[in-house]
């Protein structure tokens, strides 16, 4: 839960400046949400945030027991509210912040703690009167028989184990992607690209769009997009998220800003970050992205304004110390490793964002024709392989004729070699790949008539092999249909 609340903190904004928080103060329960966001700031350091949260839950449990005057055999019930809060938090998953107020979970906890504290104060004030009532009600004649000490100890241990395990079980069953997704998002904040790749590989059997998007971002920065992208499952399951209107949502807002930015599409990323600010108010996530995008656009005045706002938030000194020296110094911007990577795939022609299928970083790359770097060509080839646009893929392979193409590109070429024998003549090095492809077709022929029924063992056997993805991966893209969530959103690349 620590990484999840760390990302929830990034999706919120808190500052002691009343002017900056006025928009939230004026909303219903605004003061409560502000207090919740203030508590979230401790998750800038997840260990500190987790320690304080544990203290608050322990204090709340003690206060519940004190207020209810529970007898010894029912003392375990005082931990039920804390367990219910943790279970509800696990049930929400990314819904803690996705198109919802990020301070509501911690705000509700603080409200409950305040109510219990007030109740405990009133009880302690009239302690003598309440004690007499308690003694009459709990006389020995009416007191129930307590279980034997060993049995009571076993039952208490089982209860505490259940309280601890229930939120974990809810996370595992309802949102199995939450832990790897939150971890990858935290690693993205630290620019730990190799760590993101390892996290994705450790959970390769999970298949969710945000995981695939952040995995692709990491591969862009490690230089392995063309040889490792198909190492994870790409047959997407439901995220079980709802939007601000209570309707099922495919969750594209979790990754589109990051995807556009790391694909070099700075205008769409800016547009979506501003849209996020308009709909949900300022957040550290949006402000940091807008700061980077302003620096990349050489808009020093705008970058300075965003940095000024971030300076009002506690604990963001490291971000400011890193990016403030870049204001007015384009040579420092170009020298930054992350900026240098994303600048390699900046579009060389102006066009309207609405011309492309969504998400833009896929829709643009799939139809891209011009680029200044090999990285731009690789991204375009991989976007077409992913979306199975084989005619467009073959057209973009022309600059590679006579060379040894990257692994995924070579595997994509052999899937079309039977229809177009000229491919093998243009790429003589594909003979071994073509023989392997023929063996693959022979092995999977029993499943080709009903691809959806292919066993999981096929993925384990052919993990990372593009022909497996071409026939059995992302079948929704092949069928041009999608689940109920996708059907309610804008059509685009699955």
Protein backbone atom coordinates (compact mmCIF):
# COMPACT_ATOMS: atom_id res chain seq x y z
CA UNK A 1 0.00 0.00 0.00
CA UNK A 2 2.97 2.30 0.49
CA UNK A 3 3.68 2.74 -3.22
CA UNK A 4 -0.02 3.25 -3.95
CA UNK A 5 -0.30 6.05 -1.39
CA UNK A 6 2.98 7.50 -2.68
CA UNK A 7 1.41 7.83 -6.13
CA UNK A 8 -1.81 9.15 -4.58
CA UNK A 9 0.34 11.88 -3.02
CA UNK A 10 1.80 12.70 -6.46
CA UNK A 11 -1.73 12.98 -7.83
CA UNK A 12 -2.68 15.49 -5.14
CA UNK A 13 -1.45 18.96 -4.20
CA UNK A 14 -1.17 20.56 -0.79
CA UNK A 15 0.37 23.88 0.21
CA UNK A 16 0.03 25.97 3.39
CA UNK A 17 -0.85 28.91 1.12
CA UNK A 18 -4.59 29.58 1.58
CA UNK A 19 -4.87 31.16 -1.87
CA UNK A 20 -3.58 28.04 -3.64
CA UNK A 21 -6.00 25.82 -1.69
CA UNK A 22 -9.05 28.11 -1.94
CA UNK A 23 -10.52 26.14 -4.88
CA UNK A 24 -10.61 23.00 -2.73
CA UNK A 25 -11.72 24.76 0.45
CA UNK A 26 -14.86 26.01 -1.28
CA UNK A 27 -15.97 22.50 -2.26
CA UNK A 28 -18.20 20.30 -0.06
CA UNK A 29 -16.02 18.69 2.63
CA UNK A 30 -13.16 20.78 1.26
CA UNK A 31 -11.50 21.33 4.63
CA UNK A 32 -11.55 17.56 5.25
CA UNK A 33 -9.97 16.86 1.87
CA UNK A 34 -7.26 19.44 2.60
CA UNK A 35 -6.39 17.69 5.87
CA UNK A 36 -6.30 14.37 4.01
CA UNK A 37 -3.93 15.81 1.42
CA UNK A 38 -1.74 17.22 4.21
CA UNK A 39 -1.42 13.73 5.67
CA UNK A 40 -0.56 12.36 2.22
CA UNK A 41 2.46 14.66 2.00
CA UNK A 42 4.22 12.38 4.50
CA UNK A 43 4.21 9.73 1.77
CA UNK A 44 6.92 11.68 0.03
CA UNK A 45 8.86 9.22 2.19
CA UNK A 46 6.73 6.03 2.13
CA UNK A 47 8.32 4.62 5.29
CA UNK A 48 7.50 7.76 7.26
CA UNK A 49 3.99 7.89 5.82
CA UNK A 50 3.40 4.24 6.62
CA UNK A 51 4.69 4.68 10.18
CA UNK A 52 2.41 7.66 10.86
CA UNK A 53 -0.54 5.89 9.26
CA UNK A 54 0.06 2.84 11.47
CA UNK A 55 0.13 5.10 14.56
CA UNK A 56 -3.15 6.75 13.53
CA UNK A 57 -4.86 3.40 12.91
CA UNK A 58 -3.59 2.09 16.25
CA UNK A 59 -4.79 5.23 18.04
CA UNK A 60 -8.18 4.98 16.35
CA UNK A 61 -8.53 1.33 17.39
CA UNK A 62 -7.63 2.14 21.00
CA UNK A 63 -10.12 5.02 21.06
CA UNK A 64 -12.88 2.79 19.65
CA UNK A 65 -12.25 0.26 22.42
CA UNK A 66 -12.17 3.00 25.05
CA UNK A 67 -15.38 4.64 23.83
CA UNK A 68 -17.33 1.38 23.54
CA UNK A 69 -16.07 0.04 26.90
CA UNK A 70 -15.68 -3.39 25.42
CA UNK A 71 -15.24 -6.30 27.84
CA UNK A 72 -12.07 -8.34 27.46
CA UNK A 73 -13.59 -11.09 25.34
CA UNK A 74 -14.89 -8.50 22.84
CA UNK A 75 -11.79 -6.32 22.85
CA UNK A 76 -10.83 -7.61 19.40
CA UNK A 77 -13.80 -5.75 17.90
CA UNK A 78 -12.05 -2.41 18.43
CA UNK A 79 -9.79 -3.22 15.46
CA UNK A 80 -12.67 -3.76 13.04
CA UNK A 81 -12.99 -0.09 11.92
CA UNK A 82 -9.26 0.13 11.12
CA UNK A 83 -9.43 -3.16 9.23
CA UNK A 84 -12.52 -1.97 7.35
CA UNK A 85 -10.70 1.25 6.33
CA UNK A 86 -7.67 -0.68 5.08
CA UNK A 87 -9.92 -3.11 3.18
CA UNK A 88 -11.90 -0.28 1.57
CA UNK A 89 -8.63 1.38 0.53
CA UNK A 90 -7.46 -1.89 -1.05
CA UNK A 91 -10.84 -2.26 -2.78
CA UNK A 92 -10.46 1.17 -4.38
CA UNK A 93 -6.99 0.49 -5.80
CA UNK A 94 -6.02 3.30 -8.22
CA UNK A 95 -9.56 4.61 -7.70
CA UNK A 96 -8.10 6.36 -4.66
CA UNK A 97 -6.90 9.06 -7.04
CA UNK A 98 -8.12 8.17 -10.55
CA UNK A 99 -10.70 10.87 -11.37
CA UNK A 100 -11.56 11.11 -7.66
CA UNK A 101 -10.45 13.30 -4.77
CA UNK A 102 -7.08 11.89 -3.61
CA UNK A 103 -7.51 13.15 -0.04
CA UNK A 104 -10.77 11.36 0.68
CA UNK A 105 -9.30 8.14 2.16
CA UNK A 106 -6.90 9.84 4.56
CA UNK A 107 -9.45 12.60 5.21
CA UNK A 108 -12.06 10.02 6.25
CA UNK A 109 -9.50 8.42 8.57
CA UNK A 110 -8.75 11.75 10.23
CA UNK A 111 -12.47 12.48 10.60
CA UNK A 112 -13.06 9.12 12.29
CA UNK A 113 -10.10 9.68 14.58
CA UNK A 114 -11.41 13.14 15.52
CA UNK A 115 -14.90 11.80 16.30
CA UNK A 116 -13.45 9.04 18.48
CA UNK A 117 -11.18 11.51 20.27
CA UNK A 118 -14.10 13.85 21.05
CA UNK A 119 -16.18 10.92 22.27
CA UNK A 120 -13.31 9.72 24.44
CA UNK A 121 -12.92 13.21 25.93
CA UNK A 122 -16.61 13.35 26.82
CA UNK A 123 -16.43 9.89 28.37
CA UNK A 124 -13.37 10.75 30.43
CA UNK A 125 -15.05 13.95 31.64
CA UNK A 126 -17.99 12.00 33.05
CA UNK A 127 -15.92 8.93 33.94
CA UNK A 128 -17.39 8.37 37.39
CA UNK A 129 -20.99 8.30 36.13
CA UNK A 130 -20.13 6.06 33.18
CA UNK A 131 -18.13 3.73 35.43
CA UNK A 132 -21.12 3.14 37.71
CA UNK A 133 -23.32 2.30 34.72
CA UNK A 134 -20.68 -0.04 33.38
CA UNK A 135 -20.27 -1.88 36.72
CA UNK A 136 -24.02 -2.49 36.96
CA UNK A 137 -24.25 -3.78 33.40
CA UNK A 138 -21.20 -6.04 33.76
CA UNK A 139 -22.06 -7.71 37.09
CA UNK A 140 -20.61 -11.25 37.59
CA UNK A 141 -24.06 -12.83 37.43
CA UNK A 142 -24.68 -11.63 33.87
CA UNK A 143 -21.11 -11.81 32.56
CA UNK A 144 -20.70 -14.50 29.88
CA UNK A 145 -18.18 -17.26 30.36
CA UNK A 146 -14.82 -16.45 28.79
CA UNK A 147 -13.02 -19.08 26.77
CA UNK A 148 -9.91 -20.71 28.16
CA UNK A 149 -6.70 -18.71 27.86
CA UNK A 150 -5.02 -20.89 25.16
CA UNK A 151 -8.15 -20.91 23.03
CA UNK A 152 -8.58 -17.16 23.49
CA UNK A 153 -4.98 -16.60 22.41
CA UNK A 154 -5.47 -18.73 19.29
CA UNK A 155 -8.66 -16.89 18.38
CA UNK A 156 -7.01 -13.50 18.86
CA UNK A 157 -4.04 -14.50 16.69
CA UNK A 158 -6.40 -15.76 13.98
CA UNK A 159 -8.37 -12.51 14.09
CA UNK A 160 -5.30 -10.29 13.78
CA UNK A 161 -4.02 -12.46 10.96
CA UNK A 162 -7.36 -12.06 9.17
CA UNK A 163 -7.30 -8.27 9.67
CA UNK A 164 -3.83 -8.16 8.13
CA UNK A 165 -4.58 -10.61 5.32
CA UNK A 166 -7.98 -9.26 4.22
CA UNK A 167 -6.71 -6.06 2.52
CA UNK A 168 -3.93 -8.07 0.85
CA UNK A 169 -6.44 -10.64 -0.38
CA UNK A 170 -8.75 -7.93 -1.72
CA UNK A 171 -5.83 -6.33 -3.58
CA UNK A 172 -4.73 -9.68 -5.02
CA UNK A 173 -8.21 -10.70 -6.16
CA UNK A 174 -9.68 -7.39 -7.29
CA UNK A 175 -6.63 -5.36 -8.38
CA UNK A 176 -3.69 -7.75 -8.91
CA UNK A 177 -1.96 -5.09 -10.99
CA UNK A 178 -1.86 -2.44 -8.25
CA UNK A 179 1.45 -3.41 -6.67
CA UNK A 180 3.51 -3.72 -9.85
CA UNK A 181 1.84 -0.64 -11.36
CA UNK A 182 2.45 1.52 -8.29
CA UNK A 183 6.02 0.25 -8.05
CA UNK A 184 6.68 1.08 -11.70
CA UNK A 185 5.22 4.56 -11.23
CA UNK A 186 7.49 5.17 -8.23
CA UNK A 187 10.46 3.85 -10.22
CA UNK A 188 9.46 6.22 -13.03
CA UNK A 189 9.68 9.13 -10.58
CA UNK A 190 13.25 8.03 -9.79
CA UNK A 191 14.02 7.39 -13.50
CA UNK A 192 14.89 3.81 -12.58
CA UNK A 193 14.32 2.42 -16.07
CA UNK A 194 15.98 -0.95 -15.48
CA UNK A 195 13.97 -1.39 -12.30
CA UNK A 196 10.76 -0.81 -14.26
CA UNK A 197 11.79 -3.46 -16.78
CA UNK A 198 12.53 -5.95 -14.01
CA UNK A 199 9.20 -5.25 -12.31
CA UNK A 200 7.35 -5.86 -15.58
CA UNK A 201 9.26 -9.10 -16.18
CA UNK A 202 8.52 -10.28 -12.64
CA UNK A 203 4.79 -9.86 -13.38
CA UNK A 204 4.85 -10.83 -17.06
CA UNK A 205 1.71 -12.95 -16.73
CA UNK A 206 -0.36 -9.95 -15.64
CA UNK A 207 -1.92 -8.21 -18.63
CA UNK A 208 -3.09 -4.63 -18.14
CA UNK A 209 -2.72 -1.59 -20.36
CA UNK A 210 -0.94 0.67 -17.80
CA UNK A 211 1.67 -2.01 -17.13
CA UNK A 212 2.33 -2.37 -20.87
CA UNK A 213 2.56 1.42 -21.31
CA UNK A 214 5.07 1.95 -18.49
CA UNK A 215 7.04 -1.09 -19.64
CA UNK A 216 7.31 0.43 -23.12
CA UNK A 217 8.46 3.75 -21.61
CA UNK A 218 11.21 1.96 -19.71
CA UNK A 219 12.32 0.09 -22.85
CA UNK A 220 12.54 3.38 -24.76
CA UNK A 221 15.09 4.61 -22.22
CA UNK A 222 17.02 1.34 -21.97
CA UNK A 223 17.16 0.94 -25.77
CA UNK A 224 15.47 -2.47 -25.81
CA UNK A 225 12.07 -1.61 -27.28
CA UNK A 226 12.70 -3.69 -30.42
CA UNK A 227 13.84 -6.85 -28.65
CA UNK A 228 11.99 -7.06 -25.31
CA UNK A 229 8.56 -5.47 -25.73
CA UNK A 230 6.71 -8.73 -26.39
CA UNK A 231 8.18 -10.40 -23.29
CA UNK A 232 4.98 -9.67 -21.32
CA UNK A 233 1.36 -10.67 -21.87
CA UNK A 234 -0.61 -8.21 -23.99
CA UNK A 235 -4.17 -9.51 -23.71
CA UNK A 236 -5.73 -6.91 -21.49
CA UNK A 237 -7.92 -7.55 -18.47
CA UNK A 238 -10.31 -5.09 -16.84
CA UNK A 239 -8.86 -2.53 -14.43
CA UNK A 240 -12.20 -2.30 -12.58
CA UNK A 241 -12.10 1.48 -12.50
CA UNK A 242 -14.89 4.03 -12.70
CA UNK A 243 -14.64 7.61 -13.90
CA UNK A 244 -15.94 10.71 -12.14
CA UNK A 245 -19.42 9.97 -13.53
CA UNK A 246 -19.48 6.47 -12.05
CA UNK A 247 -19.16 4.73 -15.43
CA UNK A 248 -16.65 1.96 -16.22
CA UNK A 249 -13.39 3.38 -17.55
CA UNK A 250 -10.53 1.75 -19.42
CA UNK A 251 -8.04 3.81 -17.38
CA UNK A 252 -6.16 5.46 -20.24
CA UNK A 253 -5.65 8.62 -18.14
CA UNK A 254 -3.27 6.60 -15.96
CA UNK A 255 -0.62 6.55 -18.67
CA UNK A 256 -1.43 8.83 -21.64
CA UNK A 257 0.43 11.90 -20.33
CA UNK A 258 3.54 9.84 -19.58
CA UNK A 259 3.20 7.97 -22.87
CA UNK A 260 2.92 11.14 -24.97
CA UNK A 261 5.77 12.83 -23.13
CA UNK A 262 8.22 9.93 -23.44
CA UNK A 263 7.27 9.49 -27.12
CA UNK A 264 8.35 13.07 -27.80
CA UNK A 265 4.78 14.33 -28.32
CA UNK A 266 5.04 17.40 -26.12
CA UNK A 267 1.95 19.26 -27.34
CA UNK A 268 -0.49 16.37 -26.66
CA UNK A 269 1.16 15.80 -23.28
CA UNK A 270 0.73 19.49 -22.40
CA UNK A 271 -2.87 19.43 -23.56
CA UNK A 272 -3.71 16.39 -21.41
CA UNK A 273 -1.88 17.77 -18.36
CA UNK A 274 -3.81 21.05 -18.63
CA UNK A 275 -7.04 19.07 -19.06
CA UNK A 276 -6.21 17.14 -15.89
CA UNK A 277 -5.62 20.40 -14.01
CA UNK A 278 -8.93 21.79 -15.27
CA UNK A 279 -10.99 18.76 -14.25
CA UNK A 280 -9.32 17.85 -10.95
CA UNK A 281 -7.36 20.90 -9.87
CA UNK A 282 -3.57 21.17 -9.56
CA UNK A 283 -1.53 18.09 -8.76
CA UNK A 284 2.17 17.49 -8.32
CA UNK A 285 2.05 15.04 -11.21
CA UNK A 286 0.61 17.59 -13.65
CA UNK A 287 2.73 20.51 -12.42
CA UNK A 288 5.95 18.54 -12.73
CA UNK A 289 5.09 17.43 -16.24
CA UNK A 290 4.16 20.96 -17.26
CA UNK A 291 7.46 22.21 -15.85
CA UNK A 292 9.44 19.72 -17.95
CA UNK A 293 7.37 20.46 -21.03
CA UNK A 294 7.88 24.22 -20.63
CA UNK A 295 11.64 23.67 -20.37
CA UNK A 296 11.63 21.54 -23.51
CA UNK A 297 9.67 24.29 -25.28
CA UNK A 298 12.19 26.94 -24.16
CA UNK A 299 9.36 28.77 -22.37
CA UNK A 300 11.45 29.93 -19.44
CA UNK A 301 8.84 32.29 -17.96
CA UNK A 302 6.19 29.57 -17.82
CA UNK A 303 8.63 27.05 -16.35
CA UNK A 304 9.53 29.56 -13.63
CA UNK A 305 5.86 30.01 -12.74
CA UNK A 306 5.29 26.29 -12.39
CA UNK A 307 8.42 25.99 -10.25
CA UNK A 308 7.15 28.83 -8.05
CA UNK A 309 3.91 26.95 -7.42
CA UNK A 310 5.81 23.74 -6.66
CA UNK A 311 7.99 25.67 -4.23
CA UNK A 312 4.90 26.30 -2.08
CA UNK A 313 4.40 22.55 -1.65
CA UNK A 314 6.43 20.94 1.14
CA UNK A 315 9.18 18.41 0.38
CA UNK A 316 9.60 19.21 -3.35
CA UNK A 317 13.00 20.85 -2.97
CA UNK A 318 14.84 18.08 -4.84
CA UNK A 319 12.72 18.53 -7.97
CA UNK A 320 13.18 22.30 -7.87
CA UNK A 321 16.94 21.97 -7.29
CA UNK A 322 17.22 19.73 -10.35
CA UNK A 323 15.16 21.72 -12.85
CA UNK A 324 15.43 25.36 -11.75
CA UNK A 325 19.04 25.71 -12.98
CA UNK A 326 17.82 24.71 -16.47
CA UNK A 327 15.65 27.81 -16.79
CA UNK A 328 17.26 29.99 -19.46
CA UNK A 329 19.94 27.39 -20.23
CA UNK A 330 18.95 25.20 -23.21
CA UNK A 331 22.34 23.46 -23.11
CA UNK A 332 21.46 22.05 -19.67
CA UNK A 333 18.09 20.87 -20.98
CA UNK A 334 19.71 19.03 -23.87
CA UNK A 335 22.35 17.52 -21.58
CA UNK A 336 19.77 15.91 -19.29
CA UNK A 337 19.65 12.15 -20.11
CA UNK A 338 15.84 11.90 -19.96
CA UNK A 339 15.33 15.01 -22.08
CA UNK A 340 17.96 13.86 -24.57
CA UNK A 341 16.07 10.59 -25.08
CA UNK A 342 12.62 12.09 -25.57
CA UNK A 343 13.97 14.76 -27.94
CA UNK A 344 15.09 12.04 -30.37
CA UNK A 345 11.50 11.28 -31.40
CA UNK A 346 10.02 14.78 -31.58
CA UNK A 347 7.80 15.15 -34.70
CA UNK A 348 9.45 16.98 -37.59
CA UNK A 349 6.15 18.21 -39.05
CA UNK A 350 3.21 20.05 -37.52
CA UNK A 351 -0.17 18.30 -37.51
CA UNK A 352 -3.40 18.25 -35.52
CA UNK A 353 -3.65 15.88 -32.59
CA UNK A 354 -7.20 14.97 -33.58
CA UNK A 355 -5.98 13.37 -36.81
CA UNK A 356 -4.60 10.36 -34.97
CA UNK A 357 -6.16 7.43 -33.16
CA UNK A 358 -5.91 7.46 -29.39
CA UNK A 359 -3.75 7.11 -27.44
CA UNK A 360 -1.78 9.65 -29.46
CA UNK A 361 1.64 8.13 -28.76
CA UNK A 362 0.47 4.95 -30.52
CA UNK A 363 -1.77 6.50 -33.16
CA UNK A 364 0.89 8.98 -34.29
CA UNK A 365 3.75 6.47 -34.28
CA UNK A 366 1.74 3.98 -36.34
CA UNK A 367 1.29 6.41 -39.26
CA UNK A 368 4.52 8.36 -38.84
CA UNK A 369 6.53 8.73 -42.06
CA UNK A 370 9.26 11.27 -41.28
CA UNK A 371 11.81 11.31 -38.50
CA UNK A 372 15.35 12.45 -37.83
CA UNK A 373 16.66 9.50 -35.81
CA UNK A 374 16.71 5.67 -35.89
CA UNK A 375 14.75 5.74 -32.63
CA UNK A 376 11.81 7.39 -34.42
CA UNK A 377 11.82 4.61 -37.03
CA UNK A 378 11.98 1.90 -34.38
CA UNK A 379 9.03 3.38 -32.49
CA UNK A 380 6.99 3.55 -35.70
CA UNK A 381 7.83 -0.06 -36.60
CA UNK A 382 6.97 -1.29 -33.10
CA UNK A 383 3.68 0.64 -33.06
CA UNK A 384 2.66 -1.08 -36.29
CA UNK A 385 3.75 -4.50 -35.03
CA UNK A 386 1.79 -3.93 -31.83
CA UNK A 387 -1.37 -2.84 -33.65
CA UNK A 388 -0.82 -5.54 -36.34
CA UNK A 389 -0.84 -3.02 -39.20
CA UNK A 390 1.29 -5.22 -41.39
CA UNK A 391 1.02 -3.27 -44.71
CA UNK A 392 2.13 -0.08 -42.92
CA UNK A 393 4.84 -2.05 -41.14
CA UNK A 394 6.24 -3.43 -44.42
CA UNK A 395 6.23 0.03 -45.98
CA UNK A 396 8.31 1.41 -43.11
CA UNK A 397 10.78 -1.48 -43.34
CA UNK A 398 12.11 -0.21 -46.68
CA UNK A 399 14.98 1.79 -45.11
CA UNK A 400 16.19 -1.46 -43.52
CA UNK A 401 16.50 -3.44 -46.77
CA UNK A 402 19.89 -5.13 -46.98
CA UNK A 403 20.54 -4.81 -43.24
CA UNK A 404 20.00 -7.11 -40.26
CA UNK A 405 16.77 -5.82 -38.69
CA UNK A 406 16.15 -5.81 -34.92
CA UNK A 407 14.75 -9.08 -33.47
CA UNK A 408 11.06 -8.08 -33.24
CA UNK A 409 11.19 -6.48 -36.70
CA UNK A 410 12.75 -9.63 -38.19
CA UNK A 411 10.08 -11.79 -36.57
CA UNK A 412 7.39 -9.48 -37.90
CA UNK A 413 8.82 -9.74 -41.42
CA UNK A 414 8.75 -13.53 -41.47
CA UNK A 415 5.04 -13.55 -40.57
CA UNK A 416 4.44 -11.93 -43.97
CA UNK A 417 7.05 -13.87 -45.95
CA UNK A 418 4.63 -16.59 -47.07
CA UNK A 419 2.33 -14.00 -48.60
CA UNK A 420 5.21 -11.96 -50.00
CA UNK A 421 8.31 -14.04 -50.94
CA UNK A 422 10.15 -10.87 -51.94
CA UNK A 423 10.71 -10.23 -48.23
CA UNK A 424 13.23 -13.07 -47.98
CA UNK A 425 15.07 -11.80 -51.04
CA UNK A 426 15.23 -8.28 -49.60
CA UNK A 427 16.40 -9.60 -46.21
CA UNK A 428 18.66 -12.64 -46.83
CA UNK A 429 19.50 -12.89 -43.12
CA UNK A 430 15.92 -13.98 -42.34
CA UNK A 431 16.30 -17.61 -43.52
CA UNK A 432 16.87 -18.96 -40.02
CA UNK A 433 14.02 -16.83 -38.65
CA UNK A 434 11.73 -18.15 -41.38
CA UNK A 435 12.55 -21.78 -40.55
CA UNK A 436 11.79 -21.12 -36.89
CA UNK A 437 8.51 -19.50 -37.90
CA UNK A 438 7.51 -22.57 -39.92
CA UNK A 439 8.21 -24.76 -36.90
CA UNK A 440 6.12 -22.43 -34.77
CA UNK A 441 3.16 -22.67 -37.19
CA UNK A 442 3.34 -26.46 -37.09
CA UNK A 443 3.39 -26.49 -33.27
CA UNK A 444 0.43 -24.12 -32.81
CA UNK A 445 -1.71 -25.34 -35.71
CA UNK A 446 -4.19 -27.13 -33.35
CA UNK A 447 -5.06 -23.78 -31.75
CA UNK A 448 -5.31 -21.55 -34.83
CA UNK A 449 -9.00 -22.33 -35.41
CA UNK A 450 -9.88 -21.09 -31.89
CA UNK A 451 -7.12 -18.75 -30.77
CA UNK A 452 -8.87 -17.59 -27.62
CA UNK A 453 -8.68 -21.14 -26.21
CA UNK A 454 -4.89 -21.37 -26.56
CA UNK A 455 -3.39 -22.60 -23.25
CA UNK A 456 -1.25 -20.44 -21.02
CA UNK A 457 1.68 -22.78 -21.63
CA UNK A 458 2.01 -21.36 -25.14
CA UNK A 459 2.92 -17.97 -23.70
CA UNK A 460 5.53 -19.55 -21.44
CA UNK A 461 6.98 -21.45 -24.39
CA UNK A 462 7.00 -18.56 -26.88
CA UNK A 463 7.35 -15.60 -24.55
CA UNK A 464 8.96 -12.69 -26.39
CA UNK A 465 8.39 -14.24 -29.83
CA UNK A 466 6.42 -11.86 -32.05
CA UNK A 467 4.57 -14.52 -34.13
CA UNK A 468 2.97 -15.74 -30.89
CA UNK A 469 1.69 -12.21 -30.25
CA UNK A 470 0.60 -11.86 -33.89
CA UNK A 471 -1.68 -14.91 -33.66
CA UNK A 472 -2.61 -15.09 -29.97
CA UNK A 473 -1.85 -11.75 -28.34
CA UNK A 474 -4.16 -8.75 -28.04
CA UNK A 475 -6.99 -10.55 -29.83
CA UNK A 476 -9.29 -7.61 -29.23
CA UNK A 477 -7.17 -5.59 -31.64
CA UNK A 478 -7.36 -8.43 -34.16
CA UNK A 479 -11.15 -8.66 -33.88
CA UNK A 480 -11.55 -4.85 -33.89
CA UNK A 481 -13.74 -5.17 -30.80
CA UNK A 482 -13.11 -4.53 -27.15
CA UNK A 483 -14.61 -4.90 -23.70
CA UNK A 484 -17.47 -2.88 -22.25
CA UNK A 485 -15.08 -0.31 -20.80
CA UNK A 486 -13.36 0.36 -24.12
CA UNK A 487 -16.66 0.55 -25.98
CA UNK A 488 -17.71 3.45 -23.78
CA UNK A 489 -14.52 5.39 -24.55
CA UNK A 490 -13.13 6.83 -27.75
CA UNK A 491 -12.14 4.27 -30.35
CA UNK A 492 -8.45 3.92 -30.88
CA UNK A 493 -5.48 1.57 -30.82
CA UNK A 494 -6.19 -1.17 -28.31
